[in-house]
Amino acid sequence: MTTTDDIRRWATALPEVEEVGHFRFHVPVFKVRGRTFLGMGRDETTAVFCVAEQQAVDAAQTDPSVYEAVRRPDARKSFLGLQVELGRVPAERVRSLVEEAWRQQAPKRLVTEHDRHRPA
């Protein structure tokens, strides 16, 4: 199973990532320039990735036992991201979700700069 340490290693390898503790649940949350792109679940067996809403809906429809499109529980019901059962997804898939979420939330110039310096 992918662990919090695996996710931390992948996330912090990306540019300008900081790790903070969730204000209520005290689990790791990863941000790029102040924008959250990934948060660990309360027991750290799940994670929520801030990917595009349609991507989350599609994944949840494909395998609802593994993926869930998550919305805020309050009156706003705004979209949060894709919750993933980490023990049921290959590590490479989780790793790709870390980068996809980072790309979704990072400023476009930072993504472009990252891609320019990335080995081919």
N, C-alpha and C. Protein backbone atom coordinates (compact mmCIF):
# COMPACT_ATOMS: atom_id res chain seq x y z
N MET A 1 0.83 -1.19 0.00
CA MET A 1 0.00 0.00 0.00
C MET A 1 0.87 1.25 0.00
N THR A 2 0.44 2.24 -0.73
CA THR A 2 1.12 3.52 -0.74
C THR A 2 0.96 4.17 0.63
N THR A 3 2.05 4.67 1.17
CA THR A 3 2.04 5.27 2.51
C THR A 3 2.09 6.80 2.42
N THR A 4 1.85 7.41 3.56
CA THR A 4 1.98 8.86 3.64
C THR A 4 3.41 9.28 3.29
N ASP A 5 4.39 8.49 3.72
CA ASP A 5 5.79 8.82 3.40
C ASP A 5 6.04 8.78 1.90
N ASP A 6 5.44 7.81 1.19
CA ASP A 6 5.57 7.75 -0.27
C ASP A 6 5.00 9.03 -0.89
N ILE A 7 3.79 9.37 -0.47
CA ILE A 7 3.12 10.56 -1.01
C ILE A 7 3.92 11.81 -0.68
N ARG A 8 4.43 11.90 0.51
CA ARG A 8 5.25 13.05 0.92
C ARG A 8 6.47 13.17 0.01
N ARG A 9 7.14 12.06 -0.25
CA ARG A 9 8.34 12.07 -1.09
C ARG A 9 8.01 12.54 -2.51
N TRP A 10 6.91 12.04 -3.07
CA TRP A 10 6.52 12.44 -4.43
C TRP A 10 6.09 13.89 -4.48
N ALA A 11 5.31 14.31 -3.50
CA ALA A 11 4.78 15.69 -3.50
C ALA A 11 5.89 16.71 -3.30
N THR A 12 6.75 16.46 -2.34
CA THR A 12 7.79 17.46 -2.04
C THR A 12 8.90 17.49 -3.08
N ALA A 13 8.92 16.53 -4.00
CA ALA A 13 9.87 16.57 -5.11
C ALA A 13 9.43 17.57 -6.17
N LEU A 14 8.18 18.00 -6.11
CA LEU A 14 7.66 18.97 -7.07
C LEU A 14 8.00 20.39 -6.59
N PRO A 15 8.11 21.33 -7.52
CA PRO A 15 8.51 22.70 -7.15
C PRO A 15 7.52 23.40 -6.22
N GLU A 16 8.10 24.11 -5.26
CA GLU A 16 7.38 25.04 -4.37
C GLU A 16 6.26 24.39 -3.55
N VAL A 17 6.46 23.15 -3.17
CA VAL A 17 5.47 22.44 -2.35
C VAL A 17 5.82 22.61 -0.88
N GLU A 18 4.79 22.86 -0.09
CA GLU A 18 4.96 22.89 1.35
C GLU A 18 3.96 21.93 1.98
N GLU A 19 4.38 21.34 3.08
CA GLU A 19 3.50 20.45 3.83
C GLU A 19 3.06 21.17 5.10
N VAL A 20 1.77 21.12 5.36
CA VAL A 20 1.21 21.70 6.57
C VAL A 20 0.30 20.64 7.21
N GLY A 21 -0.07 20.86 8.45
CA GLY A 21 -1.02 19.99 9.11
C GLY A 21 -2.42 20.53 8.95
N HIS A 22 -3.37 19.64 8.70
CA HIS A 22 -4.77 20.06 8.59
C HIS A 22 -5.18 20.69 9.91
N PHE A 23 -5.89 21.81 9.86
CA PHE A 23 -6.22 22.57 11.07
C PHE A 23 -7.10 21.79 12.04
N ARG A 24 -7.92 20.87 11.54
CA ARG A 24 -8.81 20.12 12.42
C ARG A 24 -8.37 18.68 12.62
N PHE A 25 -7.97 18.02 11.53
CA PHE A 25 -7.69 16.59 11.60
C PHE A 25 -6.22 16.26 11.85
N HIS A 26 -5.35 17.25 11.74
CA HIS A 26 -3.92 17.10 12.03
C HIS A 26 -3.26 16.02 11.18
N VAL A 27 -3.64 15.96 9.91
CA VAL A 27 -3.01 15.07 8.94
C VAL A 27 -2.29 15.93 7.91
N PRO A 28 -1.34 15.36 7.18
CA PRO A 28 -0.61 16.15 6.19
C PRO A 28 -1.50 16.67 5.06
N VAL A 29 -1.23 17.92 4.70
CA VAL A 29 -1.86 18.59 3.56
C VAL A 29 -0.71 19.21 2.77
N PHE A 30 -0.78 19.09 1.45
CA PHE A 30 0.29 19.60 0.60
C PHE A 30 -0.24 20.74 -0.25
N LYS A 31 0.55 21.81 -0.30
CA LYS A 31 0.15 23.03 -1.01
C LYS A 31 1.25 23.46 -1.96
N VAL A 32 0.83 24.14 -3.02
CA VAL A 32 1.76 24.79 -3.93
C VAL A 32 1.34 26.26 -3.98
N ARG A 33 2.26 27.13 -3.60
CA ARG A 33 1.99 28.57 -3.53
C ARG A 33 0.68 28.87 -2.80
N GLY A 34 0.49 28.19 -1.70
CA GLY A 34 -0.67 28.45 -0.84
C GLY A 34 -1.95 27.74 -1.23
N ARG A 35 -1.95 27.03 -2.34
CA ARG A 35 -3.16 26.33 -2.81
C ARG A 35 -3.03 24.83 -2.53
N THR A 36 -3.99 24.29 -1.81
CA THR A 36 -3.98 22.87 -1.50
C THR A 36 -4.17 22.05 -2.77
N PHE A 37 -3.32 21.01 -2.92
CA PHE A 37 -3.52 20.10 -4.05
C PHE A 37 -3.69 18.66 -3.60
N LEU A 38 -3.45 18.38 -2.31
CA LEU A 38 -3.53 17.02 -1.83
C LEU A 38 -3.66 17.02 -0.31
N GLY A 39 -4.58 16.22 0.19
CA GLY A 39 -4.73 16.08 1.63
C GLY A 39 -4.92 14.62 2.00
N MET A 40 -4.27 14.21 3.06
CA MET A 40 -4.42 12.83 3.53
C MET A 40 -5.72 12.70 4.31
N GLY A 41 -6.33 11.51 4.25
CA GLY A 41 -7.53 11.24 5.03
C GLY A 41 -7.19 11.09 6.50
N ARG A 42 -8.21 11.10 7.34
CA ARG A 42 -8.00 11.06 8.79
C ARG A 42 -7.15 9.89 9.26
N ASP A 43 -7.33 8.72 8.68
CA ASP A 43 -6.53 7.57 9.11
C ASP A 43 -5.37 7.29 8.15
N GLU A 44 -5.18 8.18 7.19
CA GLU A 44 -4.10 8.13 6.21
C GLU A 44 -4.13 6.88 5.33
N THR A 45 -5.29 6.22 5.21
CA THR A 45 -5.47 5.13 4.25
C THR A 45 -6.16 5.65 2.99
N THR A 46 -6.57 6.90 3.04
CA THR A 46 -7.16 7.56 1.87
C THR A 46 -6.45 8.90 1.68
N ALA A 47 -6.62 9.45 0.50
CA ALA A 47 -6.11 10.79 0.21
C ALA A 47 -7.09 11.44 -0.76
N VAL A 48 -7.17 12.78 -0.68
CA VAL A 48 -8.01 13.54 -1.59
C VAL A 48 -7.08 14.36 -2.49
N PHE A 49 -7.23 14.15 -3.78
CA PHE A 49 -6.42 14.81 -4.79
C PHE A 49 -7.27 15.87 -5.49
N CYS A 50 -6.76 17.09 -5.58
CA CYS A 50 -7.49 18.19 -6.21
C CYS A 50 -7.29 18.14 -7.72
N VAL A 51 -8.03 17.24 -8.35
CA VAL A 51 -8.00 17.10 -9.81
C VAL A 51 -9.27 17.73 -10.38
N ALA A 52 -9.38 17.75 -11.68
CA ALA A 52 -10.56 18.31 -12.34
C ALA A 52 -11.80 17.52 -11.92
N GLU A 53 -12.89 18.22 -11.76
CA GLU A 53 -14.13 17.59 -11.29
C GLU A 53 -14.58 16.47 -12.22
N GLN A 54 -14.53 16.68 -13.51
CA GLN A 54 -14.97 15.62 -14.44
C GLN A 54 -14.10 14.39 -14.32
N GLN A 55 -12.81 14.57 -14.14
CA GLN A 55 -11.90 13.43 -13.96
C GLN A 55 -12.29 12.64 -12.71
N ALA A 56 -12.63 13.34 -11.64
CA ALA A 56 -13.03 12.67 -10.39
C ALA A 56 -14.35 11.93 -10.58
N VAL A 57 -15.29 12.55 -11.24
CA VAL A 57 -16.59 11.91 -11.48
C VAL A 57 -16.41 10.65 -12.33
N ASP A 58 -15.59 10.76 -13.37
CA ASP A 58 -15.34 9.60 -14.24
C ASP A 58 -14.70 8.45 -13.47
N ALA A 59 -13.70 8.75 -12.64
CA ALA A 59 -13.04 7.71 -11.85
C ALA A 59 -14.02 7.06 -10.88
N ALA A 60 -14.84 7.87 -10.23
CA ALA A 60 -15.81 7.34 -9.27
C ALA A 60 -16.84 6.46 -9.95
N GLN A 61 -17.24 6.80 -11.15
CA GLN A 61 -18.19 5.97 -11.89
C GLN A 61 -17.55 4.67 -12.34
N THR A 62 -16.28 4.71 -12.67
CA THR A 62 -15.56 3.52 -13.11
C THR A 62 -15.40 2.50 -11.99
N ASP A 63 -15.03 2.98 -10.80
CA ASP A 63 -14.82 2.06 -9.66
C ASP A 63 -15.17 2.76 -8.35
N PRO A 64 -16.46 2.78 -7.99
CA PRO A 64 -16.89 3.50 -6.77
C PRO A 64 -16.39 2.88 -5.47
N SER A 65 -15.86 1.68 -5.51
CA SER A 65 -15.31 1.09 -4.29
C SER A 65 -13.90 1.62 -3.99
N VAL A 66 -13.30 2.28 -4.97
CA VAL A 66 -11.93 2.79 -4.83
C VAL A 66 -11.89 4.32 -4.86
N TYR A 67 -12.73 4.93 -5.69
CA TYR A 67 -12.70 6.36 -5.93
C TYR A 67 -14.03 7.00 -5.53
N GLU A 68 -13.93 8.24 -5.04
CA GLU A 68 -15.14 9.00 -4.72
C GLU A 68 -14.90 10.47 -5.03
N ALA A 69 -15.81 11.08 -5.77
CA ALA A 69 -15.77 12.52 -5.99
C ALA A 69 -16.31 13.17 -4.72
N VAL A 70 -15.50 13.99 -4.07
CA VAL A 70 -15.83 14.52 -2.74
C VAL A 70 -16.24 16.00 -2.85
N ARG A 71 -17.30 16.32 -2.13
CA ARG A 71 -17.79 17.70 -2.05
C ARG A 71 -17.78 18.14 -0.59
N ARG A 72 -17.76 19.44 -0.38
CA ARG A 72 -17.85 19.98 0.98
C ARG A 72 -19.17 19.53 1.61
N PRO A 73 -19.15 19.25 2.90
CA PRO A 73 -20.38 18.81 3.56
C PRO A 73 -21.31 19.97 3.93
N ASP A 74 -20.82 21.20 3.81
CA ASP A 74 -21.65 22.35 4.20
C ASP A 74 -22.63 22.76 3.09
N ALA A 75 -23.29 23.82 3.27
CA ALA A 75 -24.33 24.28 2.34
C ALA A 75 -23.79 24.58 0.94
N ARG A 76 -22.50 24.91 0.85
CA ARG A 76 -21.94 25.26 -0.47
C ARG A 76 -21.83 24.04 -1.39
N LYS A 77 -21.58 22.88 -0.81
CA LYS A 77 -21.45 21.63 -1.57
C LYS A 77 -20.45 21.75 -2.72
N SER A 78 -19.45 22.60 -2.56
CA SER A 78 -18.48 22.79 -3.63
C SER A 78 -17.57 21.57 -3.75
N PHE A 79 -17.08 21.36 -4.95
CA PHE A 79 -16.23 20.21 -5.25
C PHE A 79 -14.86 20.36 -4.59
N LEU A 80 -14.39 19.28 -3.94
CA LEU A 80 -13.08 19.28 -3.30
C LEU A 80 -12.04 18.50 -4.10
N GLY A 81 -12.40 17.28 -4.52
CA GLY A 81 -11.42 16.48 -5.24
C GLY A 81 -11.81 15.02 -5.32
N LEU A 82 -10.83 14.22 -5.66
CA LEU A 82 -11.00 12.78 -5.82
C LEU A 82 -10.41 12.07 -4.61
N GLN A 83 -11.26 11.39 -3.85
CA GLN A 83 -10.78 10.59 -2.71
C GLN A 83 -10.43 9.20 -3.22
N VAL A 84 -9.27 8.70 -2.80
CA VAL A 84 -8.75 7.43 -3.28
C VAL A 84 -8.43 6.53 -2.09
N GLU A 85 -8.87 5.28 -2.18
CA GLU A 85 -8.49 4.24 -1.20
C GLU A 85 -7.09 3.79 -1.58
N LEU A 86 -6.09 4.22 -0.83
CA LEU A 86 -4.70 4.01 -1.21
C LEU A 86 -4.30 2.54 -1.31
N GLY A 87 -4.88 1.69 -0.50
CA GLY A 87 -4.53 0.28 -0.52
C GLY A 87 -5.07 -0.48 -1.71
N ARG A 88 -5.90 0.17 -2.50
CA ARG A 88 -6.55 -0.51 -3.62
C ARG A 88 -6.12 0.03 -4.98
N VAL A 89 -5.11 0.88 -4.97
CA VAL A 89 -4.64 1.51 -6.20
C VAL A 89 -3.12 1.31 -6.31
N PRO A 90 -2.62 0.93 -7.49
CA PRO A 90 -1.17 0.77 -7.64
C PRO A 90 -0.43 2.06 -7.32
N ALA A 91 0.76 1.91 -6.77
CA ALA A 91 1.58 3.07 -6.38
C ALA A 91 1.82 4.02 -7.54
N GLU A 92 2.04 3.52 -8.74
CA GLU A 92 2.28 4.40 -9.89
C GLU A 92 1.06 5.26 -10.20
N ARG A 93 -0.14 4.72 -9.99
CA ARG A 93 -1.36 5.51 -10.20
C ARG A 93 -1.44 6.63 -9.17
N VAL A 94 -1.12 6.31 -7.92
CA VAL A 94 -1.14 7.33 -6.87
C VAL A 94 -0.10 8.41 -7.18
N ARG A 95 1.06 7.97 -7.60
CA ARG A 95 2.11 8.94 -7.94
C ARG A 95 1.66 9.87 -9.06
N SER A 96 0.99 9.31 -10.06
CA SER A 96 0.52 10.17 -11.17
C SER A 96 -0.57 11.13 -10.68
N LEU A 97 -1.40 10.70 -9.74
CA LEU A 97 -2.42 11.59 -9.19
C LEU A 97 -1.80 12.74 -8.40
N VAL A 98 -0.69 12.47 -7.71
CA VAL A 98 0.02 13.53 -6.99
C VAL A 98 0.42 14.61 -7.98
N GLU A 99 1.03 14.21 -9.09
CA GLU A 99 1.48 15.20 -10.07
C GLU A 99 0.30 15.87 -10.77
N GLU A 100 -0.74 15.12 -11.11
CA GLU A 100 -1.91 15.72 -11.75
C GLU A 100 -2.54 16.78 -10.85
N ALA A 101 -2.65 16.48 -9.57
CA ALA A 101 -3.24 17.44 -8.62
C ALA A 101 -2.35 18.68 -8.50
N TRP A 102 -1.04 18.47 -8.43
CA TRP A 102 -0.11 19.59 -8.38
C TRP A 102 -0.28 20.48 -9.62
N ARG A 103 -0.33 19.85 -10.79
CA ARG A 103 -0.51 20.60 -12.04
C ARG A 103 -1.83 21.36 -12.07
N GLN A 104 -2.86 20.78 -11.49
CA GLN A 104 -4.18 21.42 -11.46
C GLN A 104 -4.15 22.70 -10.61
N GLN A 105 -3.38 22.70 -9.53
CA GLN A 105 -3.40 23.81 -8.59
C GLN A 105 -2.23 24.78 -8.75
N ALA A 106 -1.15 24.34 -9.34
CA ALA A 106 0.03 25.21 -9.47
C ALA A 106 -0.22 26.28 -10.53
N PRO A 107 0.40 27.45 -10.35
CA PRO A 107 0.32 28.48 -11.40
C PRO A 107 0.88 27.92 -12.72
N LYS A 108 0.27 28.29 -13.81
CA LYS A 108 0.65 27.75 -15.12
C LYS A 108 2.12 28.04 -15.46
N ARG A 109 2.61 29.20 -15.06
CA ARG A 109 4.03 29.51 -15.32
C ARG A 109 4.95 28.55 -14.58
N LEU A 110 4.59 28.18 -13.37
CA LEU A 110 5.40 27.23 -12.60
C LEU A 110 5.38 25.86 -13.26
N VAL A 111 4.23 25.44 -13.75
CA VAL A 111 4.13 24.15 -14.46
C VAL A 111 4.99 24.18 -15.72
N THR A 112 4.90 25.27 -16.47
CA THR A 112 5.69 25.40 -17.70
C THR A 112 7.18 25.35 -17.39
N GLU A 113 7.60 26.06 -16.34
CA GLU A 113 9.01 26.07 -15.95
C GLU A 113 9.45 24.67 -15.52
N HIS A 114 8.61 23.99 -14.75
CA HIS A 114 8.91 22.62 -14.31
C HIS A 114 9.09 21.70 -15.52
N ASP A 115 8.18 21.78 -16.49
CA ASP A 115 8.26 20.93 -17.67
C ASP A 115 9.50 21.23 -18.51
N ARG A 116 9.89 22.49 -18.56
CA ARG A 116 11.06 22.89 -19.35
C ARG A 116 12.35 22.29 -18.76
N HIS A 117 12.42 22.14 -17.45
CA HIS A 117 13.62 21.63 -16.80
C HIS A 117 13.57 20.14 -16.51
N ARG A 118 12.53 19.51 -16.93
CA ARG A 118 12.33 18.08 -16.69
C ARG A 118 13.09 17.26 -17.72
N PRO A 119 13.77 16.18 -17.30
CA PRO A 119 14.45 15.33 -18.27
C PRO A 119 13.45 14.69 -19.25
N ALA A 120 13.85 14.57 -20.48
CA ALA A 120 12.95 14.02 -21.52
C ALA A 120 12.78 12.53 -21.40
